[in-house]
Amino acid sequence: AYKFKQGQTVAQNVKRIASEELATALQCLRDRAAVPAESSVHEI
């Protein structure tokens, strides 16, 4: 979820969300193809 969670500090929320979003982008490149698929480009 791209949202702050109760029970986490602002710093914890910020780092968690940033890490999750960049992990999602990396997942779109998991096959390491020379050219990302069009759907992957959008998600990244």
ModelCIF file with pLDDT and N, C-alpha, C, O atoms, coordinates in Angstrom:
data_MODEL
#
_entry.id   MODEL 
#
_entity.id                         1 
_entity.type                       polymer 
_entity.pdbx_number_of_molecules   1 
#
_entity_poly.entity_id                      1 
_entity_poly.type                           'polypeptide(L)' 
_entity_poly.nstd_linkage                   no 
_entity_poly.nstd_monomer                   no 
_entity_poly.pdbx_seq_one_letter_code       AYKFKQGQTVAQNVKRIASEELATALQCLRDRAAVPAESSVHEI 
_entity_poly.pdbx_seq_one_letter_code_can   AYKFKQGQTVAQNVKRIASEELATALQCLRDRAAVPAESSVHEI 
_entity_poly.pdbx_strand_id                 A 
#
loop_
_entity_poly_seq.entity_id 
_entity_poly_seq.num 
_entity_poly_seq.mon_id 
_entity_poly_seq.hetero 
1 1  ALA n 
1 2  TYR n 
1 3  LYS n 
1 4  PHE n 
1 5  LYS n 
1 6  GLN n 
1 7  GLY n 
1 8  GLN n 
1 9  THR n 
1 10 VAL n 
1 11 ALA n 
1 12 GLN n 
1 13 ASN n 
1 14 VAL n 
1 15 LYS n 
1 16 ARG n 
1 17 ILE n 
1 18 ALA n 
1 19 SER n 
1 20 GLU n 
1 21 GLU n 
1 22 LEU n 
1 23 ALA n 
1 24 THR n 
1 25 ALA n 
1 26 LEU n 
1 27 GLN n 
1 28 CYS n 
1 29 LEU n 
1 30 ARG n 
1 31 ASP n 
1 32 ARG n 
1 33 ALA n 
1 34 ALA n 
1 35 VAL n 
1 36 PRO n 
1 37 ALA n 
1 38 GLU n 
1 39 SER n 
1 40 SER n 
1 41 VAL n 
1 42 HIS n 
1 43 GLU n 
1 44 ILE n 
#
_struct_asym.id          A 
_struct_asym.entity_id   1 
#
loop_
_ma_qa_metric.id 
_ma_qa_metric.mode 
_ma_qa_metric.name 
_ma_qa_metric.software_group_id 
_ma_qa_metric.type 
1 global pLDDT . pLDDT 
2 local  pLDDT . pLDDT 
#
_ma_qa_metric_global.metric_id      1 
_ma_qa_metric_global.metric_value   89.09 
_ma_qa_metric_global.model_id       1 
_ma_qa_metric_global.ordinal_id     1 
#
loop_
_ma_qa_metric_local.label_asym_id 
_ma_qa_metric_local.label_comp_id 
_ma_qa_metric_local.label_seq_id 
_ma_qa_metric_local.metric_id 
_ma_qa_metric_local.metric_value 
_ma_qa_metric_local.model_id 
_ma_qa_metric_local.ordinal_id 
A ALA 1  2 85.00 1 1  
A TYR 2  2 93.00 1 2  
A LYS 3  2 93.00 1 3  
A PHE 4  2 94.00 1 4  
A LYS 5  2 92.00 1 5  
A GLN 6  2 89.00 1 6  
A GLY 7  2 88.00 1 7  
A GLN 8  2 91.00 1 8  
A THR 9  2 92.00 1 9  
A VAL 10 2 93.00 1 10 
A ALA 11 2 92.00 1 11 
A GLN 12 2 94.00 1 12 
A ASN 13 2 94.00 1 13 
A VAL 14 2 95.00 1 14 
A LYS 15 2 95.00 1 15 
A ARG 16 2 96.00 1 16 
A ILE 17 2 97.00 1 17 
A ALA 18 2 96.00 1 18 
A SER 19 2 96.00 1 19 
A GLU 20 2 97.00 1 20 
A GLU 21 2 97.00 1 21 
A LEU 22 2 96.00 1 22 
A ALA 23 2 95.00 1 23 
A THR 24 2 94.00 1 24 
A ALA 25 2 94.00 1 25 
A LEU 26 2 93.00 1 26 
A GLN 27 2 91.00 1 27 
A CYS 28 2 89.00 1 28 
A LEU 29 2 85.00 1 29 
A ARG 30 2 78.00 1 30 
A ASP 31 2 69.00 1 31 
A ARG 32 2 66.00 1 32 
A ALA 33 2 73.00 1 33 
A ALA 34 2 75.00 1 34 
A VAL 35 2 79.00 1 35 
A PRO 36 2 81.00 1 36 
A ALA 37 2 81.00 1 37 
A GLU 38 2 84.00 1 38 
A SER 39 2 84.00 1 39 
A SER 40 2 87.00 1 40 
A VAL 41 2 90.00 1 41 
A HIS 42 2 91.00 1 42 
A GLU 43 2 92.00 1 43 
A ILE 44 2 94.00 1 44 
#
loop_
_atom_site.group_PDB 
_atom_site.id 
_atom_site.type_symbol 
_atom_site.label_atom_id 
_atom_site.label_alt_id 
_atom_site.label_comp_id 
_atom_site.label_asym_id 
_atom_site.label_entity_id 
_atom_site.label_seq_id 
_atom_site.pdbx_PDB_ins_code 
_atom_site.Cartn_x 
_atom_site.Cartn_y 
_atom_site.Cartn_z 
_atom_site.occupancy 
_atom_site.B_iso_or_equiv 
_atom_site.pdbx_formal_charge 
_atom_site.auth_seq_id 
_atom_site.auth_comp_id 
_atom_site.auth_asym_id 
_atom_site.auth_atom_id 
_atom_site.pdbx_PDB_model_num 
ATOM 1   N N  . ALA A 1 1  ? 0.829  -1.207  0.000   1.00 85.00 ? 1  ALA A N  1 
ATOM 2   C CA . ALA A 1 1  ? 0.000  0.000   0.000   1.00 85.00 ? 1  ALA A CA 1 
ATOM 3   C C  . ALA A 1 1  ? 0.861  1.253   0.000   1.00 85.00 ? 1  ALA A C  1 
ATOM 4   O O  . ALA A 1 1  ? 1.825  1.374   0.756   1.00 85.00 ? 1  ALA A O  1 
ATOM 5   N N  . TYR A 1 2  ? 0.486  2.171   -0.863  1.00 93.00 ? 2  TYR A N  1 
ATOM 6   C CA . TYR A 1 2  ? 1.161  3.467   -0.934  1.00 93.00 ? 2  TYR A CA 1 
ATOM 7   C C  . TYR A 1 2  ? 0.458  4.408   0.035   1.00 93.00 ? 2  TYR A C  1 
ATOM 8   O O  . TYR A 1 2  ? -0.241 5.336   -0.371  1.00 93.00 ? 2  TYR A O  1 
ATOM 9   N N  . LYS A 1 3  ? 0.658  4.149   1.323   1.00 93.00 ? 3  LYS A N  1 
ATOM 10  C CA . LYS A 1 3  ? 0.007  4.973   2.338   1.00 93.00 ? 3  LYS A CA 1 
ATOM 11  C C  . LYS A 1 3  ? 0.705  4.782   3.677   1.00 93.00 ? 3  LYS A C  1 
ATOM 12  O O  . LYS A 1 3  ? 1.311  3.745   3.945   1.00 93.00 ? 3  LYS A O  1 
ATOM 13  N N  . PHE A 1 4  ? 0.601  5.810   4.506   1.00 94.00 ? 4  PHE A N  1 
ATOM 14  C CA . PHE A 1 4  ? 1.184  5.739   5.842   1.00 94.00 ? 4  PHE A CA 1 
ATOM 15  C C  . PHE A 1 4  ? 0.377  4.779   6.703   1.00 94.00 ? 4  PHE A C  1 
ATOM 16  O O  . PHE A 1 4  ? -0.845 4.690   6.579   1.00 94.00 ? 4  PHE A O  1 
ATOM 17  N N  . LYS A 1 5  ? 1.083  4.055   7.586   1.00 92.00 ? 5  LYS A N  1 
ATOM 18  C CA . LYS A 1 5  ? 0.449  3.130   8.505   1.00 92.00 ? 5  LYS A CA 1 
ATOM 19  C C  . LYS A 1 5  ? 0.536  3.662   9.929   1.00 92.00 ? 5  LYS A C  1 
ATOM 20  O O  . LYS A 1 5  ? 1.552  4.221   10.341  1.00 92.00 ? 5  LYS A O  1 
ATOM 21  N N  . GLN A 1 6  ? -0.538 3.477   10.659  1.00 89.00 ? 6  GLN A N  1 
ATOM 22  C CA . GLN A 1 6  ? -0.532 3.844   12.071  1.00 89.00 ? 6  GLN A CA 1 
ATOM 23  C C  . GLN A 1 6  ? 0.395  2.885   12.818  1.00 89.00 ? 6  GLN A C  1 
ATOM 24  O O  . GLN A 1 6  ? 0.453  1.697   12.503  1.00 89.00 ? 6  GLN A O  1 
ATOM 25  N N  . GLY A 1 7  ? 1.113  3.406   13.803  1.00 88.00 ? 7  GLY A N  1 
ATOM 26  C CA . GLY A 1 7  ? 2.037  2.567   14.551  1.00 88.00 ? 7  GLY A CA 1 
ATOM 27  C C  . GLY A 1 7  ? 3.460  2.643   14.040  1.00 88.00 ? 7  GLY A C  1 
ATOM 28  O O  . GLY A 1 7  ? 4.378  2.140   14.688  1.00 88.00 ? 7  GLY A O  1 
ATOM 29  N N  . GLN A 1 8  ? 3.658  3.262   12.889  1.00 91.00 ? 8  GLN A N  1 
ATOM 30  C CA . GLN A 1 8  ? 5.000  3.498   12.373  1.00 91.00 ? 8  GLN A CA 1 
ATOM 31  C C  . GLN A 1 8  ? 5.305  4.982   12.444  1.00 91.00 ? 8  GLN A C  1 
ATOM 32  O O  . GLN A 1 8  ? 4.415  5.812   12.261  1.00 91.00 ? 8  GLN A O  1 
ATOM 33  N N  . THR A 1 9  ? 6.560  5.321   12.709  1.00 92.00 ? 9  THR A N  1 
ATOM 34  C CA . THR A 1 9  ? 6.949  6.733   12.684  1.00 92.00 ? 9  THR A CA 1 
ATOM 35  C C  . THR A 1 9  ? 6.946  7.236   11.242  1.00 92.00 ? 9  THR A C  1 
ATOM 36  O O  . THR A 1 9  ? 6.878  6.452   10.296  1.00 92.00 ? 9  THR A O  1 
ATOM 37  N N  . VAL A 1 10 ? 7.023  8.549   11.097  1.00 93.00 ? 10 VAL A N  1 
ATOM 38  C CA . VAL A 1 10 ? 7.085  9.118   9.754   1.00 93.00 ? 10 VAL A CA 1 
ATOM 39  C C  . VAL A 1 10 ? 8.295  8.574   9.018   1.00 93.00 ? 10 VAL A C  1 
ATOM 40  O O  . VAL A 1 10 ? 8.183  8.191   7.853   1.00 93.00 ? 10 VAL A O  1 
ATOM 41  N N  . ALA A 1 11 ? 9.452  8.531   9.669   1.00 92.00 ? 11 ALA A N  1 
ATOM 42  C CA . ALA A 1 11 ? 10.665 8.026   9.028   1.00 92.00 ? 11 ALA A CA 1 
ATOM 43  C C  . ALA A 1 11 ? 10.500 6.568   8.603   1.00 92.00 ? 11 ALA A C  1 
ATOM 44  O O  . ALA A 1 11 ? 10.924 6.187   7.512   1.00 92.00 ? 11 ALA A O  1 
ATOM 45  N N  . GLN A 1 12 ? 9.888  5.757   9.454   1.00 94.00 ? 12 GLN A N  1 
ATOM 46  C CA . GLN A 1 12 ? 9.674  4.350   9.115   1.00 94.00 ? 12 GLN A CA 1 
ATOM 47  C C  . GLN A 1 12 ? 8.728  4.210   7.927   1.00 94.00 ? 12 GLN A C  1 
ATOM 48  O O  . GLN A 1 12 ? 8.965  3.399   7.031   1.00 94.00 ? 12 GLN A O  1 
ATOM 49  N N  . ASN A 1 13 ? 7.665  4.995   7.921   1.00 94.00 ? 13 ASN A N  1 
ATOM 50  C CA . ASN A 1 13 ? 6.728  4.961   6.799   1.00 94.00 ? 13 ASN A CA 1 
ATOM 51  C C  . ASN A 1 13 ? 7.406  5.368   5.499   1.00 94.00 ? 13 ASN A C  1 
ATOM 52  O O  . ASN A 1 13 ? 7.240  4.709   4.473   1.00 94.00 ? 13 ASN A O  1 
ATOM 53  N N  . VAL A 1 14 ? 8.167  6.452   5.546   1.00 95.00 ? 14 VAL A N  1 
ATOM 54  C CA . VAL A 1 14 ? 8.813  6.966   4.336   1.00 95.00 ? 14 VAL A CA 1 
ATOM 55  C C  . VAL A 1 14 ? 9.783  5.938   3.764   1.00 95.00 ? 14 VAL A C  1 
ATOM 56  O O  . VAL A 1 14 ? 9.772  5.680   2.560   1.00 95.00 ? 14 VAL A O  1 
ATOM 57  N N  . LYS A 1 15 ? 10.613 5.354   4.607   1.00 95.00 ? 15 LYS A N  1 
ATOM 58  C CA . LYS A 1 15 ? 11.592 4.380   4.127   1.00 95.00 ? 15 LYS A CA 1 
ATOM 59  C C  . LYS A 1 15 ? 10.918 3.104   3.625   1.00 95.00 ? 15 LYS A C  1 
ATOM 60  O O  . LYS A 1 15 ? 11.328 2.529   2.617   1.00 95.00 ? 15 LYS A O  1 
ATOM 61  N N  . ARG A 1 16 ? 9.880  2.670   4.338   1.00 96.00 ? 16 ARG A N  1 
ATOM 62  C CA . ARG A 1 16 ? 9.170  1.468   3.904   1.00 96.00 ? 16 ARG A CA 1 
ATOM 63  C C  . ARG A 1 16 ? 8.548  1.661   2.532   1.00 96.00 ? 16 ARG A C  1 
ATOM 64  O O  . ARG A 1 16 ? 8.698  0.810   1.654   1.00 96.00 ? 16 ARG A O  1 
ATOM 65  N N  . ILE A 1 17 ? 7.851  2.774   2.343   1.00 97.00 ? 17 ILE A N  1 
ATOM 66  C CA . ILE A 1 17 ? 7.146  3.006   1.085   1.00 97.00 ? 17 ILE A CA 1 
ATOM 67  C C  . ILE A 1 17 ? 8.135  3.175   -0.063  1.00 97.00 ? 17 ILE A C  1 
ATOM 68  O O  . ILE A 1 17 ? 7.925  2.624   -1.144  1.00 97.00 ? 17 ILE A O  1 
ATOM 69  N N  . ALA A 1 18 ? 9.213  3.933   0.158   1.00 96.00 ? 18 ALA A N  1 
ATOM 70  C CA . ALA A 1 18 ? 10.210 4.111   -0.896  1.00 96.00 ? 18 ALA A CA 1 
ATOM 71  C C  . ALA A 1 18 ? 10.822 2.776   -1.291  1.00 96.00 ? 18 ALA A C  1 
ATOM 72  O O  . ALA A 1 18 ? 10.986 2.491   -2.478  1.00 96.00 ? 18 ALA A O  1 
ATOM 73  N N  . SER A 1 19 ? 11.156 1.967   -0.311  1.00 96.00 ? 19 SER A N  1 
ATOM 74  C CA . SER A 1 19 ? 11.756 0.660   -0.585  1.00 96.00 ? 19 SER A CA 1 
ATOM 75  C C  . SER A 1 19 ? 10.792 -0.241  -1.342  1.00 96.00 ? 19 SER A C  1 
ATOM 76  O O  . SER A 1 19 ? 11.195 -0.955  -2.259  1.00 96.00 ? 19 SER A O  1 
ATOM 77  N N  . GLU A 1 20 ? 9.516  -0.209  -0.960  1.00 97.00 ? 20 GLU A N  1 
ATOM 78  C CA . GLU A 1 20 ? 8.507  -1.037  -1.637  1.00 97.00 ? 20 GLU A CA 1 
ATOM 79  C C  . GLU A 1 20 ? 8.311  -0.602  -3.082  1.00 97.00 ? 20 GLU A C  1 
ATOM 80  O O  . GLU A 1 20 ? 8.221  -1.444  -3.976  1.00 97.00 ? 20 GLU A O  1 
ATOM 81  N N  . GLU A 1 21 ? 8.245  0.702   -3.318  1.00 97.00 ? 21 GLU A N  1 
ATOM 82  C CA . GLU A 1 21 ? 8.031  1.180   -4.686  1.00 97.00 ? 21 GLU A CA 1 
ATOM 83  C C  . GLU A 1 21 ? 9.204  0.831   -5.593  1.00 97.00 ? 21 GLU A C  1 
ATOM 84  O O  . GLU A 1 21 ? 9.004  0.426   -6.738  1.00 97.00 ? 21 GLU A O  1 
ATOM 85  N N  . LEU A 1 22 ? 10.417 0.985   -5.094  1.00 96.00 ? 22 LEU A N  1 
ATOM 86  C CA . LEU A 1 22 ? 11.586 0.669   -5.917  1.00 96.00 ? 22 LEU A CA 1 
ATOM 87  C C  . LEU A 1 22 ? 11.713 -0.840  -6.126  1.00 96.00 ? 22 LEU A C  1 
ATOM 88  O O  . LEU A 1 22 ? 12.197 -1.289  -7.165  1.00 96.00 ? 22 LEU A O  1 
ATOM 89  N N  . ALA A 1 23 ? 11.276 -1.622  -5.131  1.00 95.00 ? 23 ALA A N  1 
ATOM 90  C CA . ALA A 1 23 ? 11.258 -3.075  -5.299  1.00 95.00 ? 23 ALA A CA 1 
ATOM 91  C C  . ALA A 1 23 ? 10.254 -3.479  -6.386  1.00 95.00 ? 23 ALA A C  1 
ATOM 92  O O  . ALA A 1 23 ? 10.510 -4.388  -7.175  1.00 95.00 ? 23 ALA A O  1 
ATOM 93  N N  . THR A 1 24 ? 9.117  -2.792  -6.412  1.00 94.00 ? 24 THR A N  1 
ATOM 94  C CA . THR A 1 24 ? 8.117  -3.055  -7.451  1.00 94.00 ? 24 THR A CA 1 
ATOM 95  C C  . THR A 1 24 ? 8.687  -2.762  -8.835  1.00 94.00 ? 24 THR A C  1 
ATOM 96  O O  . THR A 1 24 ? 8.491  -3.534  -9.773  1.00 94.00 ? 24 THR A O  1 
ATOM 97  N N  . ALA A 1 25 ? 9.390  -1.645  -8.953  1.00 94.00 ? 25 ALA A N  1 
ATOM 98  C CA . ALA A 1 25 ? 10.006 -1.293  -10.229 1.00 94.00 ? 25 ALA A CA 1 
ATOM 99  C C  . ALA A 1 25 ? 11.037 -2.341  -10.646 1.00 94.00 ? 25 ALA A C  1 
ATOM 100 O O  . ALA A 1 25 ? 11.097 -2.729  -11.813 1.00 94.00 ? 25 ALA A O  1 
ATOM 101 N N  . LEU A 1 26 ? 11.841 -2.792  -9.696  1.00 93.00 ? 26 LEU A N  1 
ATOM 102 C CA . LEU A 1 26 ? 12.845 -3.813  -10.002 1.00 93.00 ? 26 LEU A CA 1 
ATOM 103 C C  . LEU A 1 26 ? 12.196 -5.135  -10.401 1.00 93.00 ? 26 LEU A C  1 
ATOM 104 O O  . LEU A 1 26 ? 12.716 -5.853  -11.254 1.00 93.00 ? 26 LEU A O  1 
ATOM 105 N N  . GLN A 1 27 ? 11.073 -5.450  -9.789  1.00 91.00 ? 27 GLN A N  1 
ATOM 106 C CA . GLN A 1 27 ? 10.373 -6.686  -10.130 1.00 91.00 ? 27 GLN A CA 1 
ATOM 107 C C  . GLN A 1 27 ? 9.936  -6.678  -11.589 1.00 91.00 ? 27 GLN A C  1 
ATOM 108 O O  . GLN A 1 27 ? 9.900  -7.725  -12.236 1.00 91.00 ? 27 GLN A O  1 
ATOM 109 N N  . CYS A 1 28 ? 9.611  -5.518  -12.100 1.00 89.00 ? 28 CYS A N  1 
ATOM 110 C CA . CYS A 1 28 ? 9.212  -5.398  -13.507 1.00 89.00 ? 28 CYS A CA 1 
ATOM 111 C C  . CYS A 1 28 ? 10.370 -5.695  -14.457 1.00 89.00 ? 28 CYS A C  1 
ATOM 112 O O  . CYS A 1 28 ? 10.161 -5.936  -15.646 1.00 89.00 ? 28 CYS A O  1 
ATOM 113 N N  . LEU A 1 29 ? 11.589 -5.675  -13.925 1.00 85.00 ? 29 LEU A N  1 
ATOM 114 C CA . LEU A 1 29 ? 12.775 -5.928  -14.736 1.00 85.00 ? 29 LEU A CA 1 
ATOM 115 C C  . LEU A 1 29 ? 13.432 -7.259  -14.375 1.00 85.00 ? 29 LEU A C  1 
ATOM 116 O O  . LEU A 1 29 ? 14.610 -7.473  -14.661 1.00 85.00 ? 29 LEU A O  1 
ATOM 117 N N  . ARG A 1 30 ? 12.672 -8.142  -13.752 1.00 78.00 ? 30 ARG A N  1 
ATOM 118 C CA . ARG A 1 30 ? 13.241 -9.370  -13.200 1.00 78.00 ? 30 ARG A CA 1 
ATOM 119 C C  . ARG A 1 30 ? 13.866 -10.267 -14.273 1.00 78.00 ? 30 ARG A C  1 
ATOM 120 O O  . ARG A 1 30 ? 14.808 -11.004 -13.982 1.00 78.00 ? 30 ARG A O  1 
ATOM 121 N N  . ASP A 1 31 ? 13.350 -10.214 -15.523 1.00 69.00 ? 31 ASP A N  1 
ATOM 122 C CA . ASP A 1 31 ? 13.917 -11.077 -16.561 1.00 69.00 ? 31 ASP A CA 1 
ATOM 123 C C  . ASP A 1 31 ? 15.149 -10.452 -17.218 1.00 69.00 ? 31 ASP A C  1 
ATOM 124 O O  . ASP A 1 31 ? 15.824 -11.081 -18.034 1.00 69.00 ? 31 ASP A O  1 
ATOM 125 N N  . ARG A 1 32 ? 15.429 -9.179  -16.837 1.00 66.00 ? 32 ARG A N  1 
ATOM 126 C CA . ARG A 1 32 ? 16.606 -8.455  -17.352 1.00 66.00 ? 32 ARG A CA 1 
ATOM 127 C C  . ARG A 1 32 ? 16.644 -8.438  -18.888 1.00 66.00 ? 32 ARG A C  1 
ATOM 128 O O  . ARG A 1 32 ? 17.718 -8.504  -19.487 1.00 66.00 ? 32 ARG A O  1 
ATOM 129 N N  . ALA A 1 33 ? 15.478 -8.350  -19.510 1.00 73.00 ? 33 ALA A N  1 
ATOM 130 C CA . ALA A 1 33 ? 15.432 -8.225  -20.964 1.00 73.00 ? 33 ALA A CA 1 
ATOM 131 C C  . ALA A 1 33 ? 16.109 -6.933  -21.387 1.00 73.00 ? 33 ALA A C  1 
ATOM 132 O O  . ALA A 1 33 ? 16.146 -5.966  -20.626 1.00 73.00 ? 33 ALA A O  1 
ATOM 133 N N  . ALA A 1 34 ? 16.644 -6.916  -22.599 1.00 75.00 ? 34 ALA A N  1 
ATOM 134 C CA . ALA A 1 34 ? 17.336 -5.720  -23.088 1.00 75.00 ? 34 ALA A CA 1 
ATOM 135 C C  . ALA A 1 34 ? 16.396 -4.528  -23.146 1.00 75.00 ? 34 ALA A C  1 
ATOM 136 O O  . ALA A 1 34 ? 16.803 -3.396  -22.886 1.00 75.00 ? 34 ALA A O  1 
ATOM 137 N N  . VAL A 1 35 ? 15.120 -4.786  -23.493 1.00 79.00 ? 35 VAL A N  1 
ATOM 138 C CA . VAL A 1 35 ? 14.113 -3.728  -23.555 1.00 79.00 ? 35 VAL A CA 1 
ATOM 139 C C  . VAL A 1 35 ? 12.938 -4.126  -22.663 1.00 79.00 ? 35 VAL A C  1 
ATOM 140 O O  . VAL A 1 35 ? 12.354 -5.190  -22.870 1.00 79.00 ? 35 VAL A O  1 
ATOM 141 N N  . PRO A 1 36 ? 12.574 -3.300  -21.675 1.00 81.00 ? 36 PRO A N  1 
ATOM 142 C CA . PRO A 1 36 ? 11.409 -3.618  -20.836 1.00 81.00 ? 36 PRO A CA 1 
ATOM 143 C C  . PRO A 1 36 ? 10.137 -3.676  -21.670 1.00 81.00 ? 36 PRO A C  1 
ATOM 144 O O  . PRO A 1 36 ? 9.985  -2.930  -22.637 1.00 81.00 ? 36 PRO A O  1 
ATOM 145 N N  . ALA A 1 37 ? 9.228  -4.566  -21.292 1.00 81.00 ? 37 ALA A N  1 
ATOM 146 C CA . ALA A 1 37 ? 7.931  -4.623  -21.975 1.00 81.00 ? 37 ALA A CA 1 
ATOM 147 C C  . ALA A 1 37 ? 7.183  -3.315  -21.763 1.00 81.00 ? 37 ALA A C  1 
ATOM 148 O O  . ALA A 1 37 ? 7.436  -2.594  -20.798 1.00 81.00 ? 37 ALA A O  1 
ATOM 149 N N  . GLU A 1 38 ? 6.254  -3.012  -22.678 1.00 84.00 ? 38 GLU A N  1 
ATOM 150 C CA . GLU A 1 38 ? 5.524  -1.744  -22.594 1.00 84.00 ? 38 GLU A CA 1 
ATOM 151 C C  . GLU A 1 38 ? 4.794  -1.596  -21.260 1.00 84.00 ? 38 GLU A C  1 
ATOM 152 O O  . GLU A 1 38 ? 4.789  -0.514  -20.672 1.00 84.00 ? 38 GLU A O  1 
ATOM 153 N N  . SER A 1 39 ? 4.181  -2.675  -20.784 1.00 84.00 ? 39 SER A N  1 
ATOM 154 C CA . SER A 1 39 ? 3.490  -2.613  -19.492 1.00 84.00 ? 39 SER A CA 1 
ATOM 155 C C  . SER A 1 39 ? 4.485  -2.372  -18.358 1.00 84.00 ? 39 SER A C  1 
ATOM 156 O O  . SER A 1 39 ? 4.164  -1.689  -17.386 1.00 84.00 ? 39 SER A O  1 
ATOM 157 N N  . SER A 1 40 ? 5.684  -2.926  -18.478 1.00 87.00 ? 40 SER A N  1 
ATOM 158 C CA . SER A 1 40 ? 6.707  -2.726  -17.460 1.00 87.00 ? 40 SER A CA 1 
ATOM 159 C C  . SER A 1 40 ? 7.193  -1.284  -17.441 1.00 87.00 ? 40 SER A C  1 
ATOM 160 O O  . SER A 1 40 ? 7.419  -0.714  -16.373 1.00 87.00 ? 40 SER A O  1 
ATOM 161 N N  . VAL A 1 41 ? 7.353  -0.699  -18.614 1.00 90.00 ? 41 VAL A N  1 
ATOM 162 C CA . VAL A 1 41 ? 7.769  0.704   -18.695 1.00 90.00 ? 41 VAL A CA 1 
ATOM 163 C C  . VAL A 1 41 ? 6.797  1.579   -17.922 1.00 90.00 ? 41 VAL A C  1 
ATOM 164 O O  . VAL A 1 41 ? 7.208  2.463   -17.171 1.00 90.00 ? 41 VAL A O  1 
ATOM 165 N N  . HIS A 1 42 ? 5.518  1.331   -18.106 1.00 91.00 ? 42 HIS A N  1 
ATOM 166 C CA . HIS A 1 42 ? 4.497  2.119   -17.401 1.00 91.00 ? 42 HIS A CA 1 
ATOM 167 C C  . HIS A 1 42 ? 4.617  1.935   -15.890 1.00 91.00 ? 42 HIS A C  1 
ATOM 168 O O  . HIS A 1 42 ? 4.585  2.914   -15.145 1.00 91.00 ? 42 HIS A O  1 
ATOM 169 N N  . GLU A 1 43 ? 4.755  0.706   -15.436 1.00 92.00 ? 43 GLU A N  1 
ATOM 170 C CA . GLU A 1 43 ? 4.813  0.449   -13.993 1.00 92.00 ? 43 GLU A CA 1 
ATOM 171 C C  . GLU A 1 43 ? 6.092  0.993   -13.372 1.00 92.00 ? 43 GLU A C  1 
ATOM 172 O O  . GLU A 1 43 ? 6.064  1.515   -12.257 1.00 92.00 ? 43 GLU A O  1 
ATOM 173 N N  . ILE A 1 44 ? 7.200  0.880   -14.071 1.00 94.00 ? 44 ILE A N  1 
ATOM 174 C CA . ILE A 1 44 ? 8.468  1.393   -13.551 1.00 94.00 ? 44 ILE A CA 1 
ATOM 175 C C  . ILE A 1 44 ? 8.402  2.904   -13.403 1.00 94.00 ? 44 ILE A C  1 
ATOM 176 O O  . ILE A 1 44 ? 9.376  3.526   -12.977 1.00 94.00 ? 44 ILE A O  1 
#
